[in-house]
Amino acid sequence: MTQSDVDPNAVITWLRELQDHLCARFEAFEPEQHFVQDAWQREAGGGGDTRVLADGATFERAGVNFSRVTGDELPASASARRPELAGRAYTATGVSVVVHPRNPYVPTAHANVRFFVAEHPDEAPVWWFGGGFDLTPYYGFREDAITWHQAAQAACAPFGDALYPEYKQWCDEYFYLPHRQEARGIGGLFFDDLNELGFAQSFAFGRSVGQAFINTYAPIVERRRHMAYGERERAFQLYRRGRYVEFNLVYDRGTLFGLQSRGRTESILMSMPPLAAWRYREQPEPGSAEAELTEFFLQPRDWLALAAQAEASQETG
């Protein structure tokens, strides 16, 4: 494949279409609230379009951010896995979405697809795709976890049987809080530095991931958003949101890249929940749904095998 086969403009066009599509799907859950659009320019190069829906009936905050930024030197967070690219000029474009629902039974969701080009005057440009999606429940439901991972596998399947287990494991390892010794959620897919499939297939994989995210998350929202909850569930949701904040500020490479590249702080931190809480030495009641979250759902698990076991049990029962 030659460099002329790489088409950054096609990626940008699709990313803008994806942003429109995501916003429309989320707004369909909201009878009154709409996304506020905030176009911005970056002094160091590039800009973006941040869209935030706040104080909705279903979503306390939903953010869908498109950005295209350029710089003279790739930040450390972007070159950590590829130190040979350190110091190169770069262009980074992508869409990032984070949804914090109001109802504690609806999980928080995150997804992004991004495209990088690193350039050097004496060498050919180096490009790659990255992204994925993951789910962070406060109250776990096996049905949701299984369908989420089935969709992740289906998104990967056309591109090779090895991708889902590789990117599922990568997601489990990435969205982990070492200082808490626990996962952030039930995972999904995480990939980076993807170019070995060639541009056309790598781009197609990114599109597959983006579409699978919204096609799977929207039905979960619909199933859970009308479930009754009280002060106990709300308090637990805010407590668990604290873990989300800790991960994003301490470990998340996207957040670190944005801050290190002197990006737009308001857009970078749109991923934060509007409310969160920290309580000292919180211990869920043994045997409770709150305890089940960490004891079962946040443990490393083969959700597809669990689905197969359940299906086999039904057939033999």
C-alpha atoms as a PDB file:
ATOM      1  CA  MET A   1       0.000   0.000   0.000  1.00  0.00           C
ATOM      2  CA  THR A   2       1.297   3.454  -0.893  1.00  0.00           C
ATOM      3  CA  GLN A   3       0.887   6.614   1.125  1.00  0.00           C
ATOM      4  CA  SER A   4      -1.578   7.849  -1.517  1.00  0.00           C
ATOM      5  CA  ASP A   5      -3.977   5.087  -0.420  1.00  0.00           C
ATOM      6  CA  VAL A   6      -4.294   6.745   2.997  1.00  0.00           C
ATOM      7  CA  ASP A   7      -7.214   9.187   3.011  1.00  0.00           C
ATOM      8  CA  PRO A   8      -7.397  11.309   6.180  1.00  0.00           C
ATOM      9  CA  ASN A   9     -10.215  13.396   4.723  1.00  0.00           C
ATOM     10  CA  ALA A  10     -12.425  10.307   4.415  1.00  0.00           C
ATOM     11  CA  VAL A  11     -11.784   9.582   8.090  1.00  0.00           C
ATOM     12  CA  ILE A  12     -12.696  13.141   9.084  1.00  0.00           C
ATOM     13  CA  THR A  13     -15.886  13.043   7.030  1.00  0.00           C
ATOM     14  CA  TRP A  14     -16.981   9.786   8.666  1.00  0.00           C
ATOM     15  CA  LEU A  15     -16.097  10.997  12.166  1.00  0.00           C
ATOM     16  CA  ARG A  16     -18.307  14.052  11.708  1.00  0.00           C
ATOM     17  CA  GLU A  17     -21.116  11.825  10.474  1.00  0.00           C
ATOM     18  CA  LEU A  18     -20.614   9.558  13.488  1.00  0.00           C
ATOM     19  CA  GLN A  19     -20.882  12.552  15.820  1.00  0.00           C
ATOM     20  CA  ASP A  20     -24.173  13.582  14.202  1.00  0.00           C
ATOM     21  CA  HIS A  21     -25.504  10.023  14.416  1.00  0.00           C
ATOM     22  CA  LEU A  22     -24.581   9.587  18.079  1.00  0.00           C
ATOM     23  CA  CYS A  23     -26.156  12.890  19.073  1.00  0.00           C
ATOM     24  CA  ALA A  24     -29.378  12.023  17.246  1.00  0.00           C
ATOM     25  CA  ARG A  25     -29.609   8.620  18.950  1.00  0.00           C
ATOM     26  CA  PHE A  26     -29.067  10.113  22.405  1.00  0.00           C
ATOM     27  CA  GLU A  27     -31.507  12.960  21.828  1.00  0.00           C
ATOM     28  CA  ALA A  28     -34.183  10.397  20.955  1.00  0.00           C
ATOM     29  CA  PHE A  29     -34.265   9.527  24.690  1.00  0.00           C
ATOM     30  CA  GLU A  30     -34.786  13.151  25.716  1.00  0.00           C
ATOM     31  CA  PRO A  31     -38.216  14.800  25.353  1.00  0.00           C
ATOM     32  CA  GLU A  32     -36.948  18.305  26.124  1.00  0.00           C
ATOM     33  CA  GLN A  33     -33.155  18.613  26.269  1.00  0.00           C
ATOM     34  CA  HIS A  34     -30.850  18.913  23.273  1.00  0.00           C
ATOM     35  CA  PHE A  35     -27.126  18.989  22.656  1.00  0.00           C
ATOM     36  CA  VAL A  36     -25.426  22.362  22.935  1.00  0.00           C
ATOM     37  CA  GLN A  37     -22.862  22.750  20.168  1.00  0.00           C
ATOM     38  CA  ASP A  38     -19.591  24.486  20.947  1.00  0.00           C
ATOM     39  CA  ALA A  39     -17.167  24.901  18.038  1.00  0.00           C
ATOM     40  CA  TRP A  40     -13.657  25.886  19.051  1.00  0.00           C
ATOM     41  CA  GLN A  41     -10.222  26.632  17.647  1.00  0.00           C
ATOM     42  CA  ARG A  42      -6.917  25.646  19.187  1.00  0.00           C
ATOM     43  CA  GLU A  43      -4.182  28.266  19.196  1.00  0.00           C
ATOM     44  CA  ALA A  44      -1.458  25.650  18.723  1.00  0.00           C
ATOM     45  CA  GLY A  45      -3.267  24.186  15.703  1.00  0.00           C
ATOM     46  CA  GLY A  46      -6.609  22.617  14.847  1.00  0.00           C
ATOM     47  CA  GLY A  47      -9.930  22.737  16.632  1.00  0.00           C
ATOM     48  CA  GLY A  48     -13.090  20.824  17.226  1.00  0.00           C
ATOM     49  CA  ASP A  49     -16.790  20.608  17.903  1.00  0.00           C
ATOM     50  CA  THR A  50     -17.871  19.751  21.436  1.00  0.00           C
ATOM     51  CA  ARG A  51     -21.509  18.815  21.981  1.00  0.00           C
ATOM     52  CA  VAL A  52     -22.945  18.354  25.450  1.00  0.00           C
ATOM     53  CA  LEU A  53     -26.433  17.424  26.589  1.00  0.00           C
ATOM     54  CA  ALA A  54     -27.023  18.230  30.266  1.00  0.00           C
ATOM     55  CA  ASP A  55     -29.773  17.731  32.842  1.00  0.00           C
ATOM     56  CA  GLY A  56     -31.851  15.427  30.691  1.00  0.00           C
ATOM     57  CA  ALA A  57     -34.531  13.027  31.809  1.00  0.00           C
ATOM     58  CA  THR A  58     -32.336  10.065  30.819  1.00  0.00           C
ATOM     59  CA  PHE A  59     -28.845  11.536  30.764  1.00  0.00           C
ATOM     60  CA  GLU A  60     -27.360  13.777  33.424  1.00  0.00           C
ATOM     61  CA  ARG A  61     -24.584  14.454  30.948  1.00  0.00           C
ATOM     62  CA  ALA A  62     -23.826  13.136  27.499  1.00  0.00           C
ATOM     63  CA  GLY A  63     -20.828  14.474  25.645  1.00  0.00           C
ATOM     64  CA  VAL A  64     -19.865  13.798  22.035  1.00  0.00           C
ATOM     65  CA  ASN A  65     -16.658  15.518  21.003  1.00  0.00           C
ATOM     66  CA  PHE A  66     -15.052  15.794  17.570  1.00  0.00           C
ATOM     67  CA  SER A  67     -11.537  17.165  17.395  1.00  0.00           C
ATOM     68  CA  ARG A  68      -8.740  17.564  14.910  1.00  0.00           C
ATOM     69  CA  VAL A  69      -5.550  18.888  16.443  1.00  0.00           C
ATOM     70  CA  THR A  70      -2.043  19.370  15.077  1.00  0.00           C
ATOM     71  CA  GLY A  71       1.285  19.909  16.770  1.00  0.00           C
ATOM     72  CA  ASP A  72       5.018  20.088  16.250  1.00  0.00           C
ATOM     73  CA  GLU A  73       5.885  17.345  18.734  1.00  0.00           C
ATOM     74  CA  LEU A  74       3.927  14.218  19.627  1.00  0.00           C
ATOM     75  CA  PRO A  75       3.107  14.265  23.384  1.00  0.00           C
ATOM     76  CA  ALA A  76       4.602  11.607  25.626  1.00  0.00           C
ATOM     77  CA  SER A  77       1.229   9.919  26.172  1.00  0.00           C
ATOM     78  CA  ALA A  78       0.905   9.275  22.426  1.00  0.00           C
ATOM     79  CA  SER A  79       4.452   8.028  21.874  1.00  0.00           C
ATOM     80  CA  ALA A  80       4.847   5.950  25.035  1.00  0.00           C
ATOM     81  CA  ARG A  81       4.252   2.694  23.166  1.00  0.00           C
ATOM     82  CA  ARG A  82       6.216   3.855  20.116  1.00  0.00           C
ATOM     83  CA  PRO A  83       9.204   5.856  21.376  1.00  0.00           C
ATOM     84  CA  GLU A  84      10.694   5.971  17.883  1.00  0.00           C
ATOM     85  CA  LEU A  85       7.961   8.488  16.989  1.00  0.00           C
ATOM     86  CA  ALA A  86       8.772  10.889  19.820  1.00  0.00           C
ATOM     87  CA  GLY A  87       9.385  14.415  18.587  1.00  0.00           C
ATOM     88  CA  ARG A  88       7.482  14.046  15.320  1.00  0.00           C
ATOM     89  CA  ALA A  89       4.879  16.513  14.155  1.00  0.00           C
ATOM     90  CA  TYR A  90       1.396  15.056  14.287  1.00  0.00           C
ATOM     91  CA  THR A  91      -2.236  15.332  13.328  1.00  0.00           C
ATOM     92  CA  ALA A  92      -4.792  13.650  15.596  1.00  0.00           C
ATOM     93  CA  THR A  93      -8.483  13.475  14.831  1.00  0.00           C
ATOM     94  CA  GLY A  94     -11.253  11.557  16.523  1.00  0.00           C
ATOM     95  CA  VAL A  95     -14.646  11.343  18.149  1.00  0.00           C
ATOM     96  CA  SER A  96     -14.999  10.650  21.864  1.00  0.00           C
ATOM     97  CA  VAL A  97     -18.264  10.008  23.672  1.00  0.00           C
ATOM     98  CA  VAL A  98     -19.032   9.641  27.374  1.00  0.00           C
ATOM     99  CA  VAL A  99     -22.545   9.185  28.727  1.00  0.00           C
ATOM    100  CA  HIS A 100     -23.493   9.532  32.402  1.00  0.00           C
ATOM    101  CA  PRO A 101     -27.135   8.455  32.822  1.00  0.00           C
ATOM    102  CA  ARG A 102     -29.410   9.681  35.582  1.00  0.00           C
ATOM    103  CA  ASN A 103     -30.868   6.308  36.564  1.00  0.00           C
ATOM    104  CA  PRO A 104     -28.308   4.223  38.523  1.00  0.00           C
ATOM    105  CA  TYR A 105     -29.498   1.074  36.750  1.00  0.00           C
ATOM    106  CA  VAL A 106     -28.347   2.480  33.405  1.00  0.00           C
ATOM    107  CA  PRO A 107     -24.577   2.026  32.990  1.00  0.00           C
ATOM    108  CA  THR A 108     -22.173   4.758  32.063  1.00  0.00           C
ATOM    109  CA  ALA A 109     -20.700   4.220  28.611  1.00  0.00           C
ATOM    110  CA  HIS A 110     -17.602   5.445  26.805  1.00  0.00           C
ATOM    111  CA  ALA A 111     -16.387   5.065  23.242  1.00  0.00           C
ATOM    112  CA  ASN A 112     -13.912   6.674  20.915  1.00  0.00           C
ATOM    113  CA  VAL A 113     -12.366   6.253  17.508  1.00  0.00           C
ATOM    114  CA  ARG A 114      -9.220   8.193  16.656  1.00  0.00           C
ATOM    115  CA  PHE A 115      -6.754   8.510  13.783  1.00  0.00           C
ATOM    116  CA  PHE A 116      -3.151   9.687  14.111  1.00  0.00           C
ATOM    117  CA  VAL A 117      -0.569  10.704  11.550  1.00  0.00           C
ATOM    118  CA  ALA A 118       3.014  11.314  12.742  1.00  0.00           C
ATOM    119  CA  GLU A 119       5.339  13.034  10.289  1.00  0.00           C
ATOM    120  CA  HIS A 120       9.057  13.574   9.888  1.00  0.00           C
ATOM    121  CA  PRO A 121      10.622  15.629   7.077  1.00  0.00           C
ATOM    122  CA  ASP A 122      13.047  12.837   6.123  1.00  0.00           C
ATOM    123  CA  GLU A 123      10.679   9.859   6.412  1.00  0.00           C
ATOM    124  CA  ALA A 124       7.296   8.678   5.232  1.00  0.00           C
ATOM    125  CA  PRO A 125       4.375   9.579   7.519  1.00  0.00           C
ATOM    126  CA  VAL A 126       3.290   6.937  10.034  1.00  0.00           C
ATOM    127  CA  TRP A 127      -0.466   6.530  10.627  1.00  0.00           C
ATOM    128  CA  TRP A 128      -2.602   4.431  12.921  1.00  0.00           C
ATOM    129  CA  PHE A 129      -6.106   4.020  14.306  1.00  0.00           C
ATOM    130  CA  GLY A 130      -7.145   3.536  17.919  1.00  0.00           C
ATOM    131  CA  GLY A 131     -10.243   3.491  20.069  1.00  0.00           C
ATOM    132  CA  GLY A 132     -12.825   1.107  21.432  1.00  0.00           C
ATOM    133  CA  PHE A 133     -15.760   1.088  23.826  1.00  0.00           C
ATOM    134  CA  ASP A 134     -16.387   0.029  27.403  1.00  0.00           C
ATOM    135  CA  LEU A 135     -19.291  -0.170  29.839  1.00  0.00           C
ATOM    136  CA  THR A 136     -19.314   0.897  33.500  1.00  0.00           C
ATOM    137  CA  PRO A 137     -22.384  -0.383  35.358  1.00  0.00           C
ATOM    138  CA  TYR A 138     -23.331   0.557  38.890  1.00  0.00           C
ATOM    139  CA  TYR A 139     -25.757  -2.342  39.180  1.00  0.00           C
ATOM    140  CA  GLY A 140     -24.853  -5.347  37.099  1.00  0.00           C
ATOM    141  CA  PHE A 141     -27.125  -7.286  34.747  1.00  0.00           C
ATOM    142  CA  ARG A 142     -25.836 -10.420  33.065  1.00  0.00           C
ATOM    143  CA  GLU A 143     -28.005  -9.792  30.015  1.00  0.00           C
ATOM    144  CA  ASP A 144     -26.400  -6.406  29.450  1.00  0.00           C
ATOM    145  CA  ALA A 145     -22.848  -7.672  29.946  1.00  0.00           C
ATOM    146  CA  ILE A 146     -23.372 -10.600  27.591  1.00  0.00           C
ATOM    147  CA  THR A 147     -24.980  -8.591  24.791  1.00  0.00           C
ATOM    148  CA  TRP A 148     -22.251  -5.965  25.138  1.00  0.00           C
ATOM    149  CA  HIS A 149     -19.495  -8.502  24.586  1.00  0.00           C
ATOM    150  CA  GLN A 150     -21.392 -10.340  21.883  1.00  0.00           C
ATOM    151  CA  ALA A 151     -21.567  -7.048  20.002  1.00  0.00           C
ATOM    152  CA  ALA A 152     -17.857  -6.495  20.569  1.00  0.00           C
ATOM    153  CA  GLN A 153     -17.072  -9.906  19.130  1.00  0.00           C
ATOM    154  CA  ALA A 154     -19.382  -9.318  16.162  1.00  0.00           C
ATOM    155  CA  ALA A 155     -17.689  -5.973  15.429  1.00  0.00           C
ATOM    156  CA  CYS A 156     -14.302  -7.719  15.287  1.00  0.00           C
ATOM    157  CA  ALA A 157     -15.335 -10.931  13.498  1.00  0.00           C
ATOM    158  CA  PRO A 158     -15.056  -9.714   9.858  1.00  0.00           C
ATOM    159  CA  PHE A 159     -11.440  -8.737  10.505  1.00  0.00           C
ATOM    160  CA  GLY A 160     -10.170 -11.929  12.091  1.00  0.00           C
ATOM    161  CA  ASP A 161     -11.008 -14.290  14.928  1.00  0.00           C
ATOM    162  CA  ALA A 162      -8.003 -13.177  16.973  1.00  0.00           C
ATOM    163  CA  LEU A 163      -9.035  -9.537  17.339  1.00  0.00           C
ATOM    164  CA  TYR A 164     -11.849  -9.856  19.885  1.00  0.00           C
ATOM    165  CA  PRO A 165      -9.910 -11.852  22.516  1.00  0.00           C
ATOM    166  CA  GLU A 166      -6.859  -9.615  22.031  1.00  0.00           C
ATOM    167  CA  TYR A 167      -8.746  -6.322  22.246  1.00  0.00           C
ATOM    168  CA  LYS A 168     -11.029  -7.594  25.017  1.00  0.00           C
ATOM    169  CA  GLN A 169      -8.002  -8.468  27.151  1.00  0.00           C
ATOM    170  CA  TRP A 170      -6.365  -5.153  26.294  1.00  0.00           C
ATOM    171  CA  CYS A 171      -9.526  -3.374  27.440  1.00  0.00           C
ATOM    172  CA  ASP A 172      -9.622  -5.336  30.704  1.00  0.00           C
ATOM    173  CA  GLU A 173      -6.002  -4.446  31.385  1.00  0.00           C
ATOM    174  CA  TYR A 174      -6.311  -0.813  30.335  1.00  0.00           C
ATOM    175  CA  PHE A 175      -9.459   0.146  32.268  1.00  0.00           C
ATOM    176  CA  TYR A 176      -8.035  -0.966  35.578  1.00  0.00           C
ATOM    177  CA  LEU A 177      -7.288   1.122  38.678  1.00  0.00           C
ATOM    178  CA  PRO A 178      -4.077  -0.246  40.226  1.00  0.00           C
ATOM    179  CA  HIS A 179      -4.439   1.843  43.369  1.00  0.00           C
ATOM    180  CA  ARG A 180      -7.909   0.321  43.932  1.00  0.00           C
ATOM    181  CA  GLN A 181      -6.994  -3.084  42.523  1.00  0.00           C
ATOM    182  CA  GLU A 182     -10.253  -3.230  40.622  1.00  0.00           C
ATOM    183  CA  ALA A 183     -11.598  -2.817  37.112  1.00  0.00           C
ATOM    184  CA  ARG A 184     -13.439   0.336  36.116  1.00  0.00           C
ATOM    185  CA  GLY A 185     -16.234  -1.628  34.476  1.00  0.00           C
ATOM    186  CA  ILE A 186     -16.981  -4.770  32.487  1.00  0.00           C
ATOM    187  CA  GLY A 187     -14.747  -3.814  29.570  1.00  0.00           C
ATOM    188  CA  GLY A 188     -15.397  -4.206  25.885  1.00  0.00           C
ATOM    189  CA  LEU A 189     -12.737  -3.371  23.289  1.00  0.00           C
ATOM    190  CA  PHE A 190      -9.565  -1.322  23.354  1.00  0.00           C
ATOM    191  CA  PHE A 191      -7.134  -1.037  20.452  1.00  0.00           C
ATOM    192  CA  ASP A 192      -4.315   1.274  19.458  1.00  0.00           C
ATOM    193  CA  ASP A 193      -1.507   1.544  16.896  1.00  0.00           C
ATOM    194  CA  LEU A 194      -3.682  -0.297  14.375  1.00  0.00           C
ATOM    195  CA  ASN A 195      -2.251  -0.179  10.858  1.00  0.00           C
ATOM    196  CA  GLU A 196      -1.242  -3.766  10.085  1.00  0.00           C
ATOM    197  CA  LEU A 197      -4.589  -4.398   8.345  1.00  0.00           C
ATOM    198  CA  GLY A 198      -3.826  -1.660   5.833  1.00  0.00           C
ATOM    199  CA  PHE A 199      -5.654   1.656   5.672  1.00  0.00           C
ATOM    200  CA  ALA A 200      -8.922   0.471   4.094  1.00  0.00           C
ATOM    201  CA  GLN A 201      -9.462  -2.423   6.519  1.00  0.00           C
ATOM    202  CA  SER A 202      -8.246  -0.487   9.552  1.00  0.00           C
ATOM    203  CA  PHE A 203     -10.673   2.290   8.693  1.00  0.00           C
ATOM    204  CA  ALA A 204     -13.461  -0.244   8.188  1.00  0.00           C
ATOM    205  CA  PHE A 205     -12.696  -1.720  11.594  1.00  0.00           C
ATOM    206  CA  GLY A 206     -12.973   1.709  13.201  1.00  0.00           C
ATOM    207  CA  ARG A 207     -16.372   2.188  11.562  1.00  0.00           C
ATOM    208  CA  SER A 208     -17.491  -1.236  12.765  1.00  0.00           C
ATOM    209  CA  VAL A 209     -16.559  -0.363  16.346  1.00  0.00           C
ATOM    210  CA  GLY A 210     -18.348   2.975  16.218  1.00  0.00           C
ATOM    211  CA  GLN A 211     -21.572   1.486  14.886  1.00  0.00           C
ATOM    212  CA  ALA A 212     -21.531  -1.471  17.273  1.00  0.00           C
ATOM    213  CA  PHE A 213     -21.249   0.869  20.238  1.00  0.00           C
ATOM    214  CA  ILE A 214     -24.431   2.822  19.665  1.00  0.00           C
ATOM    215  CA  ASN A 215     -26.400  -0.156  18.322  1.00  0.00           C
ATOM    216  CA  THR A 216     -25.712  -2.021  21.569  1.00  0.00           C
ATOM    217  CA  TYR A 217     -25.785   0.751  24.135  1.00  0.00           C
ATOM    218  CA  ALA A 218     -29.107   2.287  23.070  1.00  0.00           C
ATOM    219  CA  PRO A 219     -31.113  -0.924  23.777  1.00  0.00           C
ATOM    220  CA  ILE A 220     -29.464  -1.212  27.210  1.00  0.00           C
ATOM    221  CA  VAL A 221     -30.536   2.339  27.990  1.00  0.00           C
ATOM    222  CA  GLU A 222     -34.060   1.544  26.872  1.00  0.00           C
ATOM    223  CA  ARG A 223     -34.229  -1.573  29.052  1.00  0.00           C
ATOM    224  CA  ARG A 224     -33.070   0.157  32.240  1.00  0.00           C
ATOM    225  CA  ARG A 225     -34.032   3.837  32.153  1.00  0.00           C
ATOM    226  CA  HIS A 226     -37.526   3.427  33.648  1.00  0.00           C
ATOM    227  CA  MET A 227     -36.487   1.124  36.508  1.00  0.00           C
ATOM    228  CA  ALA A 228     -37.474   2.508  39.904  1.00  0.00           C
ATOM    229  CA  TYR A 229     -34.657   3.571  42.245  1.00  0.00           C
ATOM    230  CA  GLY A 230     -34.254   5.390  45.553  1.00  0.00           C
ATOM    231  CA  GLU A 231     -31.713   7.277  47.626  1.00  0.00           C
ATOM    232  CA  ARG A 232     -29.640   4.153  48.294  1.00  0.00           C
ATOM    233  CA  GLU A 233     -29.114   3.428  44.598  1.00  0.00           C
ATOM    234  CA  ARG A 234     -28.404   7.075  43.838  1.00  0.00           C
ATOM    235  CA  ALA A 235     -25.831   7.321  46.623  1.00  0.00           C
ATOM    236  CA  PHE A 236     -24.084   4.171  45.375  1.00  0.00           C
ATOM    237  CA  GLN A 237     -24.047   5.521  41.821  1.00  0.00           C
ATOM    238  CA  LEU A 238     -22.325   8.736  42.953  1.00  0.00           C
ATOM    239  CA  TYR A 239     -19.838   6.755  45.025  1.00  0.00           C
ATOM    240  CA  ARG A 240     -18.923   4.526  42.089  1.00  0.00           C
ATOM    241  CA  ARG A 241     -18.657   7.535  39.791  1.00  0.00           C
ATOM    242  CA  GLY A 242     -15.727   8.554  41.940  1.00  0.00           C
ATOM    243  CA  ARG A 243     -13.808   5.591  40.534  1.00  0.00           C
ATOM    244  CA  TYR A 244     -14.545   6.857  37.022  1.00  0.00           C
ATOM    245  CA  VAL A 245     -13.075  10.246  37.894  1.00  0.00           C
ATOM    246  CA  GLU A 246      -9.988   8.670  39.451  1.00  0.00           C
ATOM    247  CA  PHE A 247      -9.259   6.632  36.344  1.00  0.00           C
ATOM    248  CA  ASN A 248      -9.761   9.495  33.909  1.00  0.00           C
ATOM    249  CA  LEU A 249      -7.547  11.924  35.802  1.00  0.00           C
ATOM    250  CA  VAL A 250      -4.758   9.511  36.729  1.00  0.00           C
ATOM    251  CA  TYR A 251      -4.500   6.892  33.985  1.00  0.00           C
ATOM    252  CA  ASP A 252      -6.525   7.689  30.864  1.00  0.00           C
ATOM    253  CA  ARG A 253      -4.234   8.246  27.888  1.00  0.00           C
ATOM    254  CA  GLY A 254      -6.818  10.340  26.047  1.00  0.00           C
ATOM    255  CA  THR A 255      -7.139  12.765  28.940  1.00  0.00           C
ATOM    256  CA  LEU A 256      -3.360  12.909  29.376  1.00  0.00           C
ATOM    257  CA  PHE A 257      -2.835  13.467  25.639  1.00  0.00           C
ATOM    258  CA  GLY A 258      -5.323  16.331  25.648  1.00  0.00           C
ATOM    259  CA  LEU A 259      -3.727  18.019  28.642  1.00  0.00           C
ATOM    260  CA  GLN A 260      -0.144  17.410  27.490  1.00  0.00           C
ATOM    261  CA  SER A 261      -0.934  18.782  24.028  1.00  0.00           C
ATOM    262  CA  ARG A 262      -2.458  21.896  25.621  1.00  0.00           C
ATOM    263  CA  GLY A 263      -5.868  20.990  24.318  1.00  0.00           C
ATOM    264  CA  ARG A 264      -9.148  22.607  25.231  1.00  0.00           C
ATOM    265  CA  THR A 265      -9.684  21.781  28.894  1.00  0.00           C
ATOM    266  CA  GLU A 266     -13.487  22.104  28.817  1.00  0.00           C
ATOM    267  CA  SER A 267     -13.699  19.545  26.001  1.00  0.00           C
ATOM    268  CA  ILE A 268     -11.145  17.198  27.572  1.00  0.00           C
ATOM    269  CA  LEU A 269     -12.981  17.132  30.895  1.00  0.00           C
ATOM    270  CA  MET A 270     -16.444  16.720  29.419  1.00  0.00           C
ATOM    271  CA  SER A 271     -15.952  13.045  30.295  1.00  0.00           C
ATOM    272  CA  MET A 272     -16.375  13.788  33.982  1.00  0.00           C
ATOM    273  CA  PRO A 273     -19.722  13.078  35.657  1.00  0.00           C
ATOM    274  CA  PRO A 274     -21.595  16.181  36.855  1.00  0.00           C
ATOM    275  CA  LEU A 275     -21.782  14.737  40.372  1.00  0.00           C
ATOM    276  CA  ALA A 276     -19.641  12.179  42.193  1.00  0.00           C
ATOM    277  CA  ALA A 277     -18.884  11.271  45.800  1.00  0.00           C
ATOM    278  CA  TRP A 278     -16.118   9.765  47.898  1.00  0.00           C
ATOM    279  CA  ARG A 279     -16.837   8.067  51.196  1.00  0.00           C
ATOM    280  CA  TYR A 280     -14.209   6.785  53.594  1.00  0.00           C
ATOM    281  CA  ARG A 281     -13.840   2.990  53.735  1.00  0.00           C
ATOM    282  CA  GLU A 282     -17.165   2.294  52.087  1.00  0.00           C
ATOM    283  CA  GLN A 283     -18.121  -1.380  52.408  1.00  0.00           C
ATOM    284  CA  PRO A 284     -21.229  -2.677  50.613  1.00  0.00           C
ATOM    285  CA  GLU A 285     -23.496  -4.936  52.615  1.00  0.00           C
ATOM    286  CA  PRO A 286     -22.554  -8.621  52.073  1.00  0.00           C
ATOM    287  CA  GLY A 287     -24.869 -10.344  49.622  1.00  0.00           C
ATOM    288  CA  SER A 288     -26.249  -7.045  48.293  1.00  0.00           C
ATOM    289  CA  ALA A 289     -26.505  -5.928  44.689  1.00  0.00           C
ATOM    290  CA  GLU A 290     -23.869  -3.325  45.507  1.00  0.00           C
ATOM    291  CA  ALA A 291     -21.456  -6.018  46.681  1.00  0.00           C
ATOM    292  CA  GLU A 292     -22.195  -8.121  43.597  1.00  0.00           C
ATOM    293  CA  LEU A 293     -20.833  -5.358  41.384  1.00  0.00           C
ATOM    294  CA  THR A 294     -17.252  -5.778  42.577  1.00  0.00           C
ATOM    295  CA  GLU A 295     -17.458  -9.443  43.555  1.00  0.00           C
ATOM    296  CA  PHE A 296     -18.851 -10.666  40.235  1.00  0.00           C
ATOM    297  CA  PHE A 297     -19.198  -8.074  37.488  1.00  0.00           C
ATOM    298  CA  LEU A 298     -15.862  -6.304  37.906  1.00  0.00           C
ATOM    299  CA  GLN A 299     -13.879  -9.544  37.990  1.00  0.00           C
ATOM    300  CA  PRO A 300     -12.113 -10.807  34.834  1.00  0.00           C
ATOM    301  CA  ARG A 301     -14.711 -12.875  33.056  1.00  0.00           C
ATOM    302  CA  ASP A 302     -15.342 -14.644  29.753  1.00  0.00           C
ATOM    303  CA  TRP A 303     -18.825 -13.300  29.063  1.00  0.00           C
ATOM    304  CA  LEU A 304     -19.201 -15.239  25.826  1.00  0.00           C
ATOM    305  CA  ALA A 305     -18.471 -18.517  27.623  1.00  0.00           C
ATOM    306  CA  LEU A 306     -21.028 -17.544  30.253  1.00  0.00           C
ATOM    307  CA  ALA A 307     -23.601 -16.998  27.522  1.00  0.00           C
ATOM    308  CA  ALA A 308     -22.799 -20.375  25.976  1.00  0.00           C
ATOM    309  CA  GLN A 309     -23.174 -22.093  29.346  1.00  0.00           C
ATOM    310  CA  ALA A 310     -26.541 -20.443  29.934  1.00  0.00           C
ATOM    311  CA  GLU A 311     -27.749 -21.487  26.490  1.00  0.00           C
ATOM    312  CA  ALA A 312     -26.590 -25.071  27.001  1.00  0.00           C
ATOM    313  CA  SER A 313     -28.312 -25.159  30.379  1.00  0.00           C
ATOM    314  CA  GLN A 314     -31.584 -24.026  28.819  1.00  0.00           C
ATOM    315  CA  GLU A 315     -31.349 -26.667  26.105  1.00  0.00           C
ATOM    316  CA  THR A 316     -30.693 -29.495  28.557  1.00  0.00           C
ATOM    317  CA  GLY A 317     -33.233 -28.186  31.084  1.00  0.00           C
END
